[in-house]
Amino acid sequence: MKVDVARLYATAWRVAGHVPGPALRGLCNAAADIAWLRHGQGVRRLEGNLARVRPGLDRRALRRLSRAGMRSYMRYFGETFALSTMTREQIEARVRVVRDPRLDEELAAGRTVLLALGHVGNWDLAGAYCTRALAPVTTVAERLEPEELFQEFVGFRESIGLRIFPLTGGGDVFRDLVRAARGGPGLLPLLADRDLTARGVEVDLFGHRARVAAGPAALAVSTGATLMPTVVSYERLAGSRRRAAGSPWGIVVEFCAPVDVPPGLPRAEQVRAVTQAWVDRLALGIAEHPEDWHMLQAVFVEDLDPARYAATLEAERSVT
């Protein structure tokens, strides 16, 4: 029987916010444990990625880490499905911000700050908080299939205050982002630890070659906007903050020191250097919170399909 994924997500967004928190968290943990026990392709890929983060782990320890990772991943979905029904007070109680002083300086000067993020923690909760507490948030959404599912995601993210550009099928997304980056004040976060455009940048990540998106660095080079690597991770809550949040879990949003664009280099080399710099900082955050890295897809070059990757490289050479 074919599952209507778009309808399933739409139902989850309608229902999750009305399920008591402990019950919702229990359901998410159960779903995570079932998927973990089935040990399907996504879980196996997660374990392969985590093995690069923690190469010293034996098989049993890696399995324990992947179980924690699946629980973190399903927690993200449960929270996200319920996010539109959370009060402002609940959202504020769930989020703790750690920031480099440059963030406030740039926003106070009326400028947009670029943020390079990975699929770590709950980036939707971070966006809902930041667009209210710091500055308007503009970002990009991957065009999912079917179209109804993509529209559900866009509608949800717009409902929590985010401005969304579709990655494909909506015009020249880079030109739209350049305009947004030159406006302000605002935040422009991009989930970039996986290349979705076939025009990414190859970098070193945990001692292995990986392919990530060029967008954050390309925007920084093109516009001169400040680029800050940003790490979102989970933390346990207690006491009054836990009661206000209505959850034992909150997130930390760490805005790290800006990445400088090296002067005097060709543009392509600047993009590569800036990309490697933000990836290095993101890797530190992932290493501290590996269970919160929700990467169930191939990101390391050795895991990519060799024929398709060779074709991608050939296409890049023909363009340049």
Protein backbone atom coordinates (compact mmCIF):
# COMPACT_ATOMS: atom_id res chain seq x y z
CA MET A 1 0.00 0.00 0.00
CA LYS A 2 1.41 3.37 -1.04
CA VAL A 3 1.62 5.93 1.76
CA ASP A 4 0.43 9.48 1.02
CA VAL A 5 3.40 11.24 2.59
CA ALA A 6 2.04 14.75 2.08
CA ARG A 7 -1.23 13.86 3.80
CA LEU A 8 0.66 12.13 6.62
CA TYR A 9 2.74 15.25 7.27
CA ALA A 10 -0.32 17.50 7.05
CA THR A 11 -2.10 15.34 9.61
CA ALA A 12 0.93 15.41 11.92
CA TRP A 13 1.03 19.22 11.79
CA ARG A 14 -2.66 19.40 12.65
CA VAL A 15 -2.60 16.82 15.43
CA ALA A 16 0.82 16.91 17.13
CA GLY A 17 0.28 20.21 18.91
CA HIS A 18 -2.80 18.82 20.64
CA VAL A 19 -1.07 15.68 21.96
CA PRO A 20 0.24 15.99 25.55
CA GLY A 21 3.99 16.54 25.59
CA PRO A 22 4.96 13.31 27.38
CA ALA A 23 2.79 11.25 25.02
CA LEU A 24 4.24 12.97 21.93
CA ARG A 25 7.79 12.41 23.14
CA GLY A 26 6.97 8.78 23.88
CA LEU A 27 5.59 8.28 20.38
CA CYS A 28 8.67 9.88 18.85
CA ASN A 29 11.00 7.69 20.93
CA ALA A 30 9.05 4.61 19.91
CA ALA A 31 9.23 5.56 16.23
CA ALA A 32 12.96 6.17 16.58
CA ASP A 33 13.57 2.84 18.29
CA ILE A 34 11.55 0.92 15.69
CA ALA A 35 13.48 2.52 12.84
CA TRP A 36 16.75 1.88 14.69
CA LEU A 37 15.91 -1.79 15.28
CA ARG A 38 14.93 -2.27 11.63
CA HIS A 39 18.40 -0.97 10.70
CA GLY A 40 17.35 0.22 7.27
CA GLN A 41 19.35 2.20 4.75
CA GLY A 42 18.95 5.54 6.53
CA VAL A 43 20.12 4.19 9.88
CA ARG A 44 23.05 2.42 8.25
CA ARG A 45 24.05 5.66 6.52
CA LEU A 46 23.74 7.54 9.83
CA GLU A 47 26.07 5.01 11.44
CA GLY A 48 28.52 5.35 8.58
CA ASN A 49 28.59 9.11 9.03
CA LEU A 50 28.88 8.86 12.81
CA ALA A 51 31.77 6.40 12.44
CA ARG A 52 33.74 9.23 10.81
CA VAL A 53 32.91 11.58 13.69
CA ARG A 54 33.87 9.02 16.36
CA PRO A 55 36.28 6.61 14.62
CA GLY A 56 37.34 4.98 17.89
CA LEU A 57 33.93 3.53 18.71
CA ASP A 58 33.40 -0.22 18.61
CA ARG A 59 30.29 -1.69 16.98
CA ARG A 60 28.22 -1.71 20.16
CA ALA A 61 29.10 1.88 21.07
CA LEU A 62 28.34 3.03 17.52
CA ARG A 63 24.94 1.36 17.70
CA ARG A 64 24.21 3.12 21.01
CA LEU A 65 25.19 6.44 19.43
CA SER A 66 22.99 5.84 16.39
CA ARG A 67 20.05 5.03 18.67
CA ALA A 68 20.56 8.35 20.45
CA GLY A 69 20.83 9.95 17.03
CA MET A 70 17.53 8.51 15.87
CA ARG A 71 15.84 9.68 19.06
CA SER A 72 17.24 13.18 18.51
CA TYR A 73 16.02 13.08 14.90
CA MET A 74 12.50 12.00 15.84
CA ARG A 75 12.48 14.60 18.64
CA TYR A 76 13.13 17.21 15.97
CA PHE A 77 10.08 16.03 14.01
CA GLY A 78 7.83 15.88 17.07
CA GLU A 79 8.81 19.39 18.13
CA THR A 80 8.49 20.73 14.62
CA PHE A 81 5.04 19.27 14.10
CA ALA A 82 3.91 20.91 17.36
CA LEU A 83 5.82 24.16 16.89
CA SER A 84 3.00 26.22 15.40
CA THR A 85 0.92 25.65 18.55
CA MET A 86 3.67 26.58 21.02
CA THR A 87 3.34 29.85 22.86
CA ARG A 88 5.97 32.54 22.56
CA GLU A 89 6.90 31.88 26.19
CA GLN A 90 7.42 28.18 25.50
CA ILE A 91 9.62 28.90 22.50
CA GLU A 92 11.70 31.42 24.44
CA ALA A 93 12.15 28.98 27.32
CA ARG A 94 13.33 26.24 24.97
CA VAL A 95 16.05 28.31 23.29
CA ARG A 96 19.35 29.51 24.73
CA VAL A 97 21.56 31.71 22.55
CA VAL A 98 25.35 31.97 22.72
CA ARG A 99 26.69 34.59 20.33
CA ASP A 100 29.78 36.34 19.16
CA PRO A 101 29.46 40.13 19.72
CA ARG A 102 29.73 40.74 15.99
CA LEU A 103 26.19 39.42 15.52
CA ASP A 104 24.59 42.23 17.51
CA GLU A 105 26.92 44.81 15.93
CA GLU A 106 25.92 43.79 12.40
CA LEU A 107 22.20 43.70 13.17
CA ALA A 108 22.37 47.06 14.99
CA ALA A 109 24.02 48.53 11.89
CA GLY A 110 21.06 47.38 9.80
CA ARG A 111 22.88 44.61 7.95
CA THR A 112 22.00 40.99 7.19
CA VAL A 113 24.14 38.24 8.69
CA LEU A 114 24.70 35.01 6.75
CA LEU A 115 24.58 31.80 8.80
CA ALA A 116 26.13 28.49 7.72
CA LEU A 117 24.36 25.62 9.48
CA GLY A 118 24.31 21.85 9.41
CA HIS A 119 21.42 19.48 9.97
CA VAL A 120 22.11 19.58 13.70
CA GLY A 121 19.56 19.98 16.50
CA ASN A 122 16.26 21.70 15.72
CA TRP A 123 16.88 24.43 13.16
CA ASP A 124 13.16 25.17 12.77
CA LEU A 125 12.79 25.94 16.48
CA ALA A 126 15.91 28.11 16.22
CA GLY A 127 14.39 29.97 13.26
CA ALA A 128 11.07 30.53 15.04
CA TYR A 129 12.91 32.02 18.01
CA CYS A 130 15.42 34.12 16.06
CA THR A 131 12.92 35.72 13.69
CA ARG A 132 11.03 37.06 16.74
CA ALA A 133 13.88 37.78 19.16
CA LEU A 134 16.76 38.86 16.90
CA ALA A 135 15.87 39.77 13.31
CA PRO A 136 13.68 38.59 10.40
CA VAL A 137 14.83 35.23 9.02
CA THR A 138 15.04 34.40 5.31
CA THR A 139 16.08 30.96 4.12
CA VAL A 140 15.86 28.38 1.35
CA ALA A 141 13.69 25.25 1.25
CA GLU A 142 14.64 22.13 -0.65
CA ARG A 143 11.95 21.29 -3.19
CA LEU A 144 10.55 18.00 -1.95
CA GLU A 145 8.42 15.47 -3.81
CA PRO A 146 5.48 15.35 -4.06
CA GLU A 147 4.73 19.02 -4.56
CA GLU A 148 2.03 18.88 -1.86
CA LEU A 149 4.67 17.91 0.71
CA PHE A 150 6.88 20.82 -0.34
CA GLN A 151 3.97 23.21 0.01
CA GLU A 152 3.22 21.83 3.49
CA PHE A 153 6.80 22.55 4.58
CA VAL A 154 6.77 26.02 3.06
CA GLY A 155 3.42 26.82 4.64
CA PHE A 156 4.64 25.64 8.02
CA ARG A 157 7.83 27.66 7.92
CA GLU A 158 6.00 30.77 6.77
CA SER A 159 3.52 30.25 9.64
CA ILE A 160 6.36 30.56 12.18
CA GLY A 161 7.57 33.80 10.60
CA LEU A 162 10.22 32.71 8.11
CA ARG A 163 10.56 34.04 4.57
CA ILE A 164 11.17 31.13 2.19
CA PHE A 165 12.79 30.88 -1.24
CA PRO A 166 12.46 27.52 -3.05
CA LEU A 167 15.85 26.03 -3.95
CA THR A 168 14.61 25.09 -7.42
CA GLY A 169 11.61 25.88 -9.58
CA GLY A 170 11.10 29.40 -8.28
CA GLY A 171 13.43 31.53 -10.39
CA ASP A 172 17.06 32.49 -9.74
CA VAL A 173 17.41 31.63 -6.05
CA PHE A 174 20.97 32.93 -5.78
CA ARG A 175 19.93 36.34 -7.13
CA ASP A 176 17.07 36.42 -4.62
CA LEU A 177 19.48 35.57 -1.82
CA VAL A 178 21.92 38.26 -2.93
CA ARG A 179 19.13 40.82 -2.67
CA ALA A 180 18.20 39.51 0.78
CA ALA A 181 21.82 39.55 1.94
CA ARG A 182 22.19 43.19 0.87
CA GLY A 183 19.09 44.17 2.81
CA GLY A 184 18.68 44.13 6.53
CA PRO A 185 18.73 43.89 9.35
CA GLY A 186 18.12 40.18 9.04
CA LEU A 187 19.41 36.65 9.37
CA LEU A 188 19.97 34.42 6.34
CA PRO A 189 20.63 30.84 7.51
CA LEU A 190 21.48 28.13 5.01
CA LEU A 191 21.58 24.40 5.81
CA ALA A 192 24.71 23.60 3.88
CA ASP A 193 26.34 20.40 5.15
CA ARG A 194 25.00 18.51 2.13
CA ASP A 195 25.21 19.60 -1.51
CA LEU A 196 21.79 19.66 -3.19
CA THR A 197 22.76 21.54 -6.34
CA ALA A 198 25.56 19.45 -7.95
CA ARG A 199 27.66 22.63 -7.75
CA GLY A 200 29.05 22.13 -4.27
CA VAL A 201 32.49 22.37 -2.75
CA GLU A 202 34.67 19.44 -1.74
CA VAL A 203 36.13 19.88 1.76
CA ASP A 204 37.89 17.98 4.52
CA LEU A 205 35.44 16.81 7.19
CA PHE A 206 36.66 14.59 10.03
CA GLY A 207 39.66 13.58 7.96
CA HIS A 208 37.60 12.55 4.94
CA ARG A 209 36.56 14.31 1.76
CA ALA A 210 32.97 15.52 1.80
CA ARG A 211 30.80 17.60 -0.50
CA VAL A 212 28.87 20.55 0.94
CA ALA A 213 26.92 23.48 -0.46
CA ALA A 214 28.75 26.50 -1.87
CA GLY A 215 25.91 28.93 -1.04
CA PRO A 216 27.06 30.48 2.26
CA ALA A 217 30.57 31.19 1.02
CA ALA A 218 29.45 32.33 -2.43
CA LEU A 219 27.05 34.83 -0.87
CA ALA A 220 29.71 36.11 1.52
CA VAL A 221 32.16 36.61 -1.37
CA SER A 222 29.56 38.19 -3.66
CA THR A 223 27.92 40.56 -1.16
CA GLY A 224 30.49 41.22 1.56
CA ALA A 225 27.93 40.19 4.19
CA THR A 226 29.27 38.72 7.42
CA LEU A 227 29.19 34.92 7.53
CA MET A 228 28.89 33.20 10.91
CA PRO A 229 29.05 29.41 11.33
CA THR A 230 26.12 28.45 13.57
CA VAL A 231 25.65 25.28 15.61
CA VAL A 232 22.27 24.18 17.02
CA SER A 233 22.28 21.39 19.60
CA TYR A 234 20.00 19.91 22.23
CA GLU A 235 20.37 20.34 25.98
CA ARG A 236 18.49 18.98 28.98
CA LEU A 237 16.29 21.45 30.85
CA ALA A 238 15.52 21.56 34.56
CA GLY A 239 13.66 23.63 37.10
CA SER A 240 11.71 26.73 36.13
CA ARG A 241 12.99 26.72 32.56
CA ARG A 242 11.76 23.16 32.05
CA ARG A 243 8.35 24.07 33.44
CA ALA A 244 8.12 27.16 31.23
CA ALA A 245 9.21 25.18 28.17
CA GLY A 246 6.80 22.34 28.81
CA SER A 247 9.59 19.96 27.83
CA PRO A 248 12.72 18.34 29.26
CA TRP A 249 14.58 19.39 26.11
CA GLY A 250 15.74 22.75 24.85
CA ILE A 251 18.28 23.87 22.26
CA VAL A 252 21.42 25.96 22.25
CA VAL A 253 21.98 28.21 19.24
CA GLU A 254 25.66 29.14 19.03
CA PHE A 255 26.57 31.97 16.65
CA CYS A 256 30.32 31.49 16.20
CA ALA A 257 33.01 33.99 15.25
CA PRO A 258 32.69 35.26 11.66
CA VAL A 259 34.65 33.72 8.81
CA ASP A 260 36.77 36.22 6.91
CA VAL A 261 37.03 36.19 3.12
CA PRO A 262 40.74 36.00 2.21
CA PRO A 263 41.66 38.95 -0.02
CA GLY A 264 43.62 38.79 -3.24
CA LEU A 265 42.47 35.35 -4.39
CA PRO A 266 40.36 34.37 -7.39
CA ARG A 267 36.68 34.09 -6.51
CA ALA A 268 36.59 30.29 -6.75
CA GLU A 269 39.51 29.97 -4.33
CA GLN A 270 37.85 32.41 -1.92
CA VAL A 271 34.69 30.30 -1.96
CA ARG A 272 36.68 27.15 -1.25
CA ALA A 273 38.63 28.76 1.60
CA VAL A 274 35.55 30.24 3.27
CA THR A 275 33.66 26.97 2.89
CA GLN A 276 36.45 24.98 4.53
CA ALA A 277 36.59 27.52 7.38
CA TRP A 278 32.90 27.27 8.28
CA VAL A 279 32.94 23.49 7.86
CA ASP A 280 35.83 23.27 10.33
CA ARG A 281 33.80 25.16 12.93
CA LEU A 282 30.67 23.13 12.26
CA ALA A 283 32.72 19.94 12.68
CA LEU A 284 33.68 21.03 16.20
CA GLY A 285 30.00 21.38 17.06
CA ILE A 286 29.12 18.01 15.52
CA ALA A 287 31.99 16.36 17.41
CA GLU A 288 30.60 17.77 20.68
CA HIS A 289 27.03 16.65 19.87
CA PRO A 290 27.27 13.79 17.34
CA GLU A 291 23.86 12.39 18.32
CA ASP A 292 22.27 15.64 17.12
CA TRP A 293 23.71 15.44 13.59
CA HIS A 294 20.66 14.32 11.59
CA MET A 295 22.56 13.16 8.54
CA LEU A 296 20.93 10.03 7.13
CA GLN A 297 22.20 10.76 3.62
CA ALA A 298 25.57 10.40 1.92
CA VAL A 299 27.80 13.42 2.44
CA PHE A 300 31.29 11.88 2.27
CA VAL A 301 32.72 11.46 -1.23
CA GLU A 302 33.57 7.79 -0.73
CA ASP A 303 29.86 7.10 -0.10
CA LEU A 304 28.64 8.83 -3.26
CA ASP A 305 27.81 6.94 -6.42
CA PRO A 306 31.14 6.95 -8.33
CA ALA A 307 29.64 7.31 -11.80
CA ARG A 308 27.31 10.14 -10.81
CA TYR A 309 30.07 11.92 -8.91
CA ALA A 310 32.44 11.66 -11.87
CA ALA A 311 29.72 13.12 -14.10
CA THR A 312 29.23 15.98 -11.63
CA LEU A 313 32.94 16.79 -11.64
CA GLU A 314 33.04 16.67 -15.44
CA ALA A 315 30.09 19.04 -15.65
CA GLU A 316 31.84 21.46 -13.29
CA ARG A 317 35.01 21.40 -15.38
CA SER A 318 33.05 22.13 -18.55
CA VAL A 319 31.48 25.18 -16.90
CA THR A 320 34.74 26.60 -15.59
